[in-house]
């Protein structure tokens, strides 16, 4: 990801703090007048769940509806959501489910078919993960990643991250591996 900063966020620095040179004034401590930025690392990951029974995945299956959604506002799926709790050593909010790769294959038992489901994630390993946005303070030491949202106050992380108050919803990713209904 490329994070852009506005013009004036950084200053020119001249060795020794010289404000003049034999050629005229230097730009020491003058703001850079145009936008600049930095690269923020992300990692692509895939977790494959093999030999999922045909009845557990596919049109009408509870797991499929949970992952993809059912087309209603209240039935928004897990695609686009962030991990609510730590999973596979990744802290909350650092994994985002980006999509699902489905493969229907002859089952290894020789009896019928089964699914291989590949969950595709993007990892953003910064404070507050995908909900952590960089704030640049050019007048003091407050630069860093902060939790972002629309709601008033500071929510309990990640339990109080309600849908609609943040850029991405938060879901319990262990439910990606539960074929039936979840509570």
C-alpha atoms as a PDB file:
ATOM      1  CA  UNK A   1       0.000   0.000   0.000  1.00  0.00           C
ATOM      2  CA  UNK A   2       1.136   3.536  -0.645  1.00  0.00           C
ATOM      3  CA  UNK A   3       0.249   5.986   2.123  1.00  0.00           C
ATOM      4  CA  UNK A   4       0.192   9.582   0.943  1.00  0.00           C
ATOM      5  CA  UNK A   5       0.933  12.524   3.187  1.00  0.00           C
ATOM      6  CA  UNK A   6      -0.232  16.064   2.413  1.00  0.00           C
ATOM      7  CA  UNK A   7       2.027  18.884   1.320  1.00  0.00           C
ATOM      8  CA  UNK A   8       3.695  20.513   4.312  1.00  0.00           C
ATOM      9  CA  UNK A   9       3.835  17.308   6.338  1.00  0.00           C
ATOM     10  CA  UNK A  10       7.638  17.077   6.084  1.00  0.00           C
ATOM     11  CA  UNK A  11      10.411  19.689   6.007  1.00  0.00           C
ATOM     12  CA  UNK A  12      13.636  20.002   4.080  1.00  0.00           C
ATOM     13  CA  UNK A  13      16.681  19.455   6.318  1.00  0.00           C
ATOM     14  CA  UNK A  14      20.080  20.867   5.456  1.00  0.00           C
ATOM     15  CA  UNK A  15      23.252  19.451   7.100  1.00  0.00           C
ATOM     16  CA  UNK A  16      24.282  21.595  10.037  1.00  0.00           C
ATOM     17  CA  UNK A  17      21.040  23.565   9.873  1.00  0.00           C
ATOM     18  CA  UNK A  18      22.523  26.087   7.473  1.00  0.00           C
ATOM     19  CA  UNK A  19      19.994  28.637   6.332  1.00  0.00           C
ATOM     20  CA  UNK A  20      22.314  30.300   3.850  1.00  0.00           C
ATOM     21  CA  UNK A  21      25.030  29.067   1.519  1.00  0.00           C
ATOM     22  CA  UNK A  22      27.414  30.710  -0.960  1.00  0.00           C
ATOM     23  CA  UNK A  23      24.641  30.207  -3.535  1.00  0.00           C
ATOM     24  CA  UNK A  24      21.858  31.857  -1.497  1.00  0.00           C
ATOM     25  CA  UNK A  25      19.252  30.744   1.044  1.00  0.00           C
ATOM     26  CA  UNK A  26      18.782  27.041   1.718  1.00  0.00           C
ATOM     27  CA  UNK A  27      15.390  25.407   2.338  1.00  0.00           C
ATOM     28  CA  UNK A  28      16.336  24.270   5.868  1.00  0.00           C
ATOM     29  CA  UNK A  29      13.133  23.647   7.882  1.00  0.00           C
ATOM     30  CA  UNK A  30      10.899  24.848   5.050  1.00  0.00           C
ATOM     31  CA  UNK A  31       7.900  22.583   4.336  1.00  0.00           C
ATOM     32  CA  UNK A  32       7.915  20.371   1.264  1.00  0.00           C
ATOM     33  CA  UNK A  33       5.049  21.976  -0.684  1.00  0.00           C
ATOM     34  CA  UNK A  34       3.690  18.875  -2.442  1.00  0.00           C
ATOM     35  CA  UNK A  35       2.279  15.543  -1.350  1.00  0.00           C
ATOM     36  CA  UNK A  36       4.700  12.753  -0.475  1.00  0.00           C
ATOM     37  CA  UNK A  37       4.264   9.293   1.005  1.00  0.00           C
ATOM     38  CA  UNK A  38       5.637   5.956   2.064  1.00  0.00           C
ATOM     39  CA  UNK A  39       5.059   2.274   1.382  1.00  0.00           C
ATOM     40  CA  UNK A  40       3.189   0.212   3.945  1.00  0.00           C
ATOM     41  CA  UNK A  41       3.838  -3.525   3.667  1.00  0.00           C
ATOM     42  CA  UNK A  42       1.034  -6.047   3.242  1.00  0.00           C
ATOM     43  CA  UNK A  43       1.221  -9.809   2.762  1.00  0.00           C
ATOM     44  CA  UNK A  44      -1.064 -12.060   0.718  1.00  0.00           C
ATOM     45  CA  UNK A  45      -2.014 -15.358   2.400  1.00  0.00           C
ATOM     46  CA  UNK A  46      -4.174 -18.334   1.503  1.00  0.00           C
ATOM     47  CA  UNK A  47      -5.542 -21.050   3.783  1.00  0.00           C
ATOM     48  CA  UNK A  48      -6.938 -24.106   2.000  1.00  0.00           C
ATOM     49  CA  UNK A  49      -9.553 -26.304   3.651  1.00  0.00           C
ATOM     50  CA  UNK A  50      -9.512 -29.619   1.814  1.00  0.00           C
ATOM     51  CA  UNK A  51     -12.185 -32.273   1.347  1.00  0.00           C
ATOM     52  CA  UNK A  52     -15.155 -30.225   2.522  1.00  0.00           C
ATOM     53  CA  UNK A  53     -18.307 -32.338   1.912  1.00  0.00           C
ATOM     54  CA  UNK A  54     -20.497 -31.194  -0.990  1.00  0.00           C
ATOM     55  CA  UNK A  55     -23.441 -30.531   1.334  1.00  0.00           C
ATOM     56  CA  UNK A  56     -21.383 -28.217   3.554  1.00  0.00           C
ATOM     57  CA  UNK A  57     -20.436 -25.792   0.757  1.00  0.00           C
ATOM     58  CA  UNK A  58     -22.400 -24.594  -2.244  1.00  0.00           C
ATOM     59  CA  UNK A  59     -25.662 -22.826  -3.013  1.00  0.00           C
ATOM     60  CA  UNK A  60     -27.919 -22.748   0.045  1.00  0.00           C
ATOM     61  CA  UNK A  61     -25.316 -24.125   2.486  1.00  0.00           C
ATOM     62  CA  UNK A  62     -25.000 -22.284   5.825  1.00  0.00           C
ATOM     63  CA  UNK A  63     -21.232 -21.905   5.455  1.00  0.00           C
ATOM     64  CA  UNK A  64     -21.535 -20.424   1.961  1.00  0.00           C
ATOM     65  CA  UNK A  65     -24.145 -17.909   3.146  1.00  0.00           C
ATOM     66  CA  UNK A  66     -21.949 -16.972   6.116  1.00  0.00           C
ATOM     67  CA  UNK A  67     -18.894 -16.382   3.927  1.00  0.00           C
ATOM     68  CA  UNK A  68     -20.526 -14.767   0.886  1.00  0.00           C
ATOM     69  CA  UNK A  69     -23.580 -13.216   2.550  1.00  0.00           C
ATOM     70  CA  UNK A  70     -27.203 -13.684   1.644  1.00  0.00           C
ATOM     71  CA  UNK A  71     -27.800 -10.376  -0.154  1.00  0.00           C
ATOM     72  CA  UNK A  72     -29.394  -8.594   2.800  1.00  0.00           C
ATOM     73  CA  UNK A  73     -27.954  -5.846   4.991  1.00  0.00           C
ATOM     74  CA  UNK A  74     -28.207  -8.054   8.085  1.00  0.00           C
ATOM     75  CA  UNK A  75     -26.673 -11.014   6.233  1.00  0.00           C
ATOM     76  CA  UNK A  76     -23.469  -9.324   5.128  1.00  0.00           C
ATOM     77  CA  UNK A  77     -20.856 -11.976   4.508  1.00  0.00           C
ATOM     78  CA  UNK A  78     -17.350 -12.389   5.843  1.00  0.00           C
ATOM     79  CA  UNK A  79     -15.645 -11.303   2.604  1.00  0.00           C
ATOM     80  CA  UNK A  80     -14.089  -7.915   3.319  1.00  0.00           C
ATOM     81  CA  UNK A  81     -14.201  -8.481   7.086  1.00  0.00           C
ATOM     82  CA  UNK A  82     -11.319  -8.496   9.587  1.00  0.00           C
ATOM     83  CA  UNK A  83     -10.415 -11.140  12.174  1.00  0.00           C
ATOM     84  CA  UNK A  84     -12.092 -10.453  15.529  1.00  0.00           C
ATOM     85  CA  UNK A  85      -9.706 -12.584  17.567  1.00  0.00           C
ATOM     86  CA  UNK A  86      -6.187 -13.913  17.099  1.00  0.00           C
ATOM     87  CA  UNK A  87      -5.940 -16.764  14.603  1.00  0.00           C
ATOM     88  CA  UNK A  88      -2.851 -18.660  13.386  1.00  0.00           C
ATOM     89  CA  UNK A  89      -0.696 -16.285  15.434  1.00  0.00           C
ATOM     90  CA  UNK A  90      -2.116 -13.144  13.786  1.00  0.00           C
ATOM     91  CA  UNK A  91      -3.430 -10.490  16.212  1.00  0.00           C
ATOM     92  CA  UNK A  92      -6.984  -9.179  15.858  1.00  0.00           C
ATOM     93  CA  UNK A  93      -7.765  -6.853  12.930  1.00  0.00           C
ATOM     94  CA  UNK A  94      -4.612  -7.788  10.958  1.00  0.00           C
ATOM     95  CA  UNK A  95      -6.203 -10.273   8.517  1.00  0.00           C
ATOM     96  CA  UNK A  96      -8.825  -9.300   5.947  1.00  0.00           C
ATOM     97  CA  UNK A  97     -10.726 -11.972   4.017  1.00  0.00           C
ATOM     98  CA  UNK A  98     -10.427 -10.895   0.389  1.00  0.00           C
ATOM     99  CA  UNK A  99     -12.103 -13.780  -1.389  1.00  0.00           C
ATOM    100  CA  UNK A 100     -12.698 -17.493  -1.739  1.00  0.00           C
ATOM    101  CA  UNK A 101     -11.337 -19.907  -4.322  1.00  0.00           C
ATOM    102  CA  UNK A 102     -13.623 -22.923  -4.773  1.00  0.00           C
ATOM    103  CA  UNK A 103     -12.621 -26.211  -6.373  1.00  0.00           C
ATOM    104  CA  UNK A 104     -14.963 -29.184  -6.681  1.00  0.00           C
ATOM    105  CA  UNK A 105     -12.875 -32.339  -7.072  1.00  0.00           C
ATOM    106  CA  UNK A 106     -13.401 -36.093  -7.035  1.00  0.00           C
ATOM    107  CA  UNK A 107     -13.053 -37.133  -3.403  1.00  0.00           C
ATOM    108  CA  UNK A 108      -9.914 -39.057  -2.456  1.00  0.00           C
ATOM    109  CA  UNK A 109     -12.109 -41.848  -1.080  1.00  0.00           C
ATOM    110  CA  UNK A 110     -13.391 -42.510  -4.605  1.00  0.00           C
ATOM    111  CA  UNK A 111     -16.955 -41.837  -3.436  1.00  0.00           C
ATOM    112  CA  UNK A 112     -18.409 -38.706  -4.974  1.00  0.00           C
ATOM    113  CA  UNK A 113     -16.967 -35.218  -4.810  1.00  0.00           C
ATOM    114  CA  UNK A 114     -15.680 -32.765  -2.207  1.00  0.00           C
ATOM    115  CA  UNK A 115     -14.683 -29.117  -2.139  1.00  0.00           C
ATOM    116  CA  UNK A 116     -11.312 -27.508  -1.622  1.00  0.00           C
ATOM    117  CA  UNK A 117     -11.993 -24.022  -0.272  1.00  0.00           C
ATOM    118  CA  UNK A 118      -9.132 -21.527  -0.440  1.00  0.00           C
ATOM    119  CA  UNK A 119      -9.660 -18.506   1.796  1.00  0.00           C
ATOM    120  CA  UNK A 120      -7.577 -15.564   0.538  1.00  0.00           C
ATOM    121  CA  UNK A 121      -6.383 -12.986   3.070  1.00  0.00           C
ATOM    122  CA  UNK A 122      -4.382  -9.786   3.144  1.00  0.00           C
ATOM    123  CA  UNK A 123      -2.296  -9.211   6.267  1.00  0.00           C
ATOM    124  CA  UNK A 124      -1.517  -5.691   7.487  1.00  0.00           C
ATOM    125  CA  UNK A 125       0.809  -6.047  10.454  1.00  0.00           C
ATOM    126  CA  UNK A 126       0.661  -2.551  11.966  1.00  0.00           C
ATOM    127  CA  UNK A 127      -1.067  -1.380  15.178  1.00  0.00           C
ATOM    128  CA  UNK A 128      -4.832  -1.893  14.797  1.00  0.00           C
ATOM    129  CA  UNK A 129      -4.228  -3.783  11.539  1.00  0.00           C
ATOM    130  CA  UNK A 130      -6.538  -2.777   8.695  1.00  0.00           C
ATOM    131  CA  UNK A 131      -8.299  -0.248  10.959  1.00  0.00           C
ATOM    132  CA  UNK A 132      -5.009   1.432  11.867  1.00  0.00           C
ATOM    133  CA  UNK A 133      -4.364   4.525   9.784  1.00  0.00           C
ATOM    134  CA  UNK A 134      -1.194   6.560   9.931  1.00  0.00           C
ATOM    135  CA  UNK A 135      -1.358  10.037  11.437  1.00  0.00           C
ATOM    136  CA  UNK A 136       1.579  12.334  10.727  1.00  0.00           C
ATOM    137  CA  UNK A 137       2.211  15.052  13.305  1.00  0.00           C
ATOM    138  CA  UNK A 138       4.726  17.517  11.884  1.00  0.00           C
ATOM    139  CA  UNK A 139       4.675  19.648  15.037  1.00  0.00           C
ATOM    140  CA  UNK A 140       5.181  17.013  17.725  1.00  0.00           C
ATOM    141  CA  UNK A 141       5.719  13.377  18.660  1.00  0.00           C
ATOM    142  CA  UNK A 142       2.174  12.086  18.041  1.00  0.00           C
ATOM    143  CA  UNK A 143       2.868  10.471  14.648  1.00  0.00           C
ATOM    144  CA  UNK A 144       1.838   6.834  14.400  1.00  0.00           C
ATOM    145  CA  UNK A 145      -1.010   4.414  13.730  1.00  0.00           C
ATOM    146  CA  UNK A 146      -4.371   5.118  15.315  1.00  0.00           C
ATOM    147  CA  UNK A 147      -7.672   3.232  15.341  1.00  0.00           C
ATOM    148  CA  UNK A 148     -10.152   4.894  13.003  1.00  0.00           C
ATOM    149  CA  UNK A 149     -13.924   4.972  12.945  1.00  0.00           C
ATOM    150  CA  UNK A 150     -17.054   7.082  12.979  1.00  0.00           C
ATOM    151  CA  UNK A 151     -18.359   6.205  16.413  1.00  0.00           C
ATOM    152  CA  UNK A 152     -17.905   8.479  19.412  1.00  0.00           C
ATOM    153  CA  UNK A 153     -15.430   7.464  22.074  1.00  0.00           C
ATOM    154  CA  UNK A 154     -12.902   4.678  21.939  1.00  0.00           C
ATOM    155  CA  UNK A 155     -14.418   1.175  21.494  1.00  0.00           C
ATOM    156  CA  UNK A 156     -13.112  -1.893  23.246  1.00  0.00           C
ATOM    157  CA  UNK A 157     -10.849  -3.553  20.691  1.00  0.00           C
ATOM    158  CA  UNK A 158     -11.951  -5.726  19.027  1.00  0.00           C
ATOM    159  CA  UNK A 159     -15.183  -6.538  20.901  1.00  0.00           C
ATOM    160  CA  UNK A 160     -16.816  -3.124  20.522  1.00  0.00           C
ATOM    161  CA  UNK A 161     -16.218  -2.670  16.802  1.00  0.00           C
ATOM    162  CA  UNK A 162     -19.799  -2.522  15.546  1.00  0.00           C
ATOM    163  CA  UNK A 163     -20.681  -2.838  11.863  1.00  0.00           C
ATOM    164  CA  UNK A 164     -21.126   0.544  10.220  1.00  0.00           C
ATOM    165  CA  UNK A 165     -18.817   2.433  12.600  1.00  0.00           C
ATOM    166  CA  UNK A 166     -15.585   1.396  10.905  1.00  0.00           C
ATOM    167  CA  UNK A 167     -14.295   0.979   7.392  1.00  0.00           C
ATOM    168  CA  UNK A 168     -14.488  -2.842   7.617  1.00  0.00           C
ATOM    169  CA  UNK A 169     -16.702  -5.180   9.645  1.00  0.00           C
ATOM    170  CA  UNK A 170     -15.135  -7.550  12.177  1.00  0.00           C
ATOM    171  CA  UNK A 171     -15.972 -11.276  12.221  1.00  0.00           C
ATOM    172  CA  UNK A 172     -14.882 -14.392  14.102  1.00  0.00           C
ATOM    173  CA  UNK A 173     -12.721 -16.205  11.537  1.00  0.00           C
ATOM    174  CA  UNK A 174     -12.828 -19.555  13.335  1.00  0.00           C
ATOM    175  CA  UNK A 175     -16.414 -19.708  11.988  1.00  0.00           C
ATOM    176  CA  UNK A 176     -14.973 -19.999   8.470  1.00  0.00           C
ATOM    177  CA  UNK A 177     -14.337 -23.657   9.363  1.00  0.00           C
ATOM    178  CA  UNK A 178     -17.729 -24.458  10.930  1.00  0.00           C
ATOM    179  CA  UNK A 179     -20.059 -26.003   8.315  1.00  0.00           C
ATOM    180  CA  UNK A 180     -23.325 -25.622  10.235  1.00  0.00           C
ATOM    181  CA  UNK A 181     -25.013 -22.807  12.106  1.00  0.00           C
ATOM    182  CA  UNK A 182     -23.006 -20.771  14.609  1.00  0.00           C
ATOM    183  CA  UNK A 183     -24.230 -18.952  17.681  1.00  0.00           C
END
